[in-house]
Every structure is written in structure tokens, then in C-alpha cells.
Amino acid sequence: MKRGQCLIRADHAVNGERDQEYGDPGKNFKRIAEYWGTYLGMLIEPEDVAIMMILVKTARLEGSEHKHKDSWVDIAGYAACGCEIATEGAEE
């Protein structure tokens, strides 16, 4: 898969099917952060969720002899969501 194709698939995922299925990433990641924070007994920010999901996908890639293209697409999607959440309200 070419890098442009990866980014297009990630864009379709975060702005299409997953956005429709799970709703706004900012709200979804905030909810996940609250659950994780309660479980761990510490503050977790929504952008931390994006980073930790990237780490999950990285660990899966590292642990697999088959470098699944979907994991790479997911990493790109989580990076985009994390960027949007972390820079919300900042000037472009």
C-alpha cells in the first residue's frame, strides 16, 4: 500500500465509518480517558487515549510476522484524531 492510499483509508475511517459508528472522536476519547483514569486511579487526557491506542497498534505490529496494513491505517487515524483533539482551539 502506498502512503497516500494509507492516508486516504485512514481519512475514510475517521471521517466516515468509525465517525458514524462511534461518534465524535473528542467525546469518545474523553469517555475512554475517564474510564481508564478511574481504573488506573490517575488523570488520563483524551489525547493520551490516541497515543496509547497508537502504542497498542505498534505492539501488535511488532508482535506479528504479518505486518497488517490495517494496523498502519489505524495508527494514521489515531494520529489524526489525537492531533485534532490536542490542537482544538489553536490557530491553524
Protein backbone atom coordinates (compact mmCIF):
# COMPACT_ATOMS: atom_id res chain seq x y z
CA MET A 1 0.00 0.00 0.00
CA LYS A 2 1.34 3.43 -0.93
CA ARG A 3 1.46 6.14 1.76
CA GLY A 4 -1.24 8.18 0.03
CA GLN A 5 -3.55 5.17 -0.02
CA CYS A 6 -2.90 4.62 3.69
CA LEU A 7 -3.84 8.21 4.46
CA ILE A 8 -6.94 8.04 2.27
CA ARG A 9 -8.10 4.87 4.05
CA ALA A 10 -7.42 6.48 7.43
CA ASP A 11 -9.38 9.56 6.34
CA HIS A 12 -12.32 7.40 5.26
CA ALA A 13 -12.21 5.59 8.60
CA VAL A 14 -12.06 8.61 10.90
CA ASN A 15 -14.37 10.82 8.84
CA GLY A 16 -16.73 8.09 7.68
CA GLU A 17 -17.50 4.66 9.04
CA ARG A 18 -15.95 4.99 12.51
CA ASP A 19 -17.17 8.53 12.97
CA GLN A 20 -20.70 7.35 12.20
CA GLU A 21 -20.36 4.26 14.38
CA TYR A 22 -18.65 5.78 17.44
CA GLY A 23 -19.46 9.47 17.13
CA ASP A 24 -17.20 12.44 17.65
CA PRO A 25 -13.64 11.28 18.49
CA GLY A 26 -13.18 14.04 21.06
CA LYS A 27 -16.22 12.92 23.04
CA ASN A 28 -15.39 9.24 22.58
CA PHE A 29 -11.75 9.64 23.65
CA LYS A 30 -12.87 11.75 26.65
CA ARG A 31 -15.17 8.94 27.74
CA ILE A 32 -12.40 6.36 27.29
CA ALA A 33 -9.98 8.60 29.22
CA GLU A 34 -12.44 8.80 32.10
CA TYR A 35 -12.84 5.01 32.23
CA TRP A 36 -9.09 4.40 32.03
CA GLY A 37 -8.40 7.13 34.58
CA THR A 38 -10.90 5.64 37.03
CA TYR A 39 -9.44 2.17 36.57
CA LEU A 40 -5.83 3.36 36.94
CA GLY A 41 -6.55 5.95 39.64
CA MET A 42 -4.94 8.77 37.66
CA LEU A 43 -5.80 11.53 35.22
CA ILE A 44 -5.85 10.46 31.59
CA GLU A 45 -6.45 13.08 28.92
CA PRO A 46 -8.30 12.38 25.66
CA GLU A 47 -5.12 12.90 23.61
CA ASP A 48 -3.43 10.27 25.82
CA VAL A 49 -6.03 7.82 24.52
CA ALA A 50 -4.86 8.46 20.96
CA ILE A 51 -1.23 7.91 21.97
CA MET A 52 -2.00 4.72 23.87
CA MET A 53 -4.07 3.32 21.02
CA ILE A 54 -1.14 4.03 18.68
CA LEU A 55 1.04 2.07 21.12
CA VAL A 56 -1.45 -0.83 21.08
CA LYS A 57 -1.29 -0.93 17.30
CA THR A 58 2.52 -0.65 17.40
CA ALA A 59 2.75 -3.60 19.79
CA ARG A 60 0.51 -5.64 17.51
CA LEU A 61 2.72 -4.85 14.53
CA GLU A 62 5.84 -5.73 16.48
CA GLY A 63 4.37 -9.00 17.69
CA SER A 64 3.15 -10.14 14.29
CA GLU A 65 5.13 -11.63 11.47
CA HIS A 66 2.38 -10.39 9.15
CA LYS A 67 2.58 -6.61 9.03
CA HIS A 68 -1.14 -5.94 8.72
CA LYS A 69 -1.89 -2.87 6.66
CA ASP A 70 -4.98 -2.19 8.77
CA SER A 71 -2.80 -1.53 11.81
CA TRP A 72 -0.83 1.08 9.85
CA VAL A 73 -4.08 2.69 8.71
CA ASP A 74 -5.37 2.69 12.29
CA ILE A 75 -2.17 4.36 13.53
CA ALA A 76 -2.61 7.13 10.96
CA GLY A 77 -6.24 7.53 12.02
CA TYR A 78 -5.41 7.69 15.73
CA ALA A 79 -2.67 10.24 15.00
CA ALA A 80 -5.16 12.42 13.11
CA CYS A 81 -7.73 12.18 15.91
CA GLY A 82 -5.09 12.91 18.55
CA CYS A 83 -3.88 15.94 16.58
CA GLU A 84 -7.42 17.30 16.30
CA ILE A 85 -8.10 16.79 20.00
CA ALA A 86 -4.75 18.19 21.20
CA THR A 87 -4.88 21.26 18.96
CA GLU A 88 -8.57 22.10 19.32
CA GLY A 89 -8.95 25.84 19.52
CA ALA A 90 -5.40 26.51 18.32
CA GLU A 91 -4.88 28.64 15.26
CA GLU A 92 -4.21 26.74 12.02
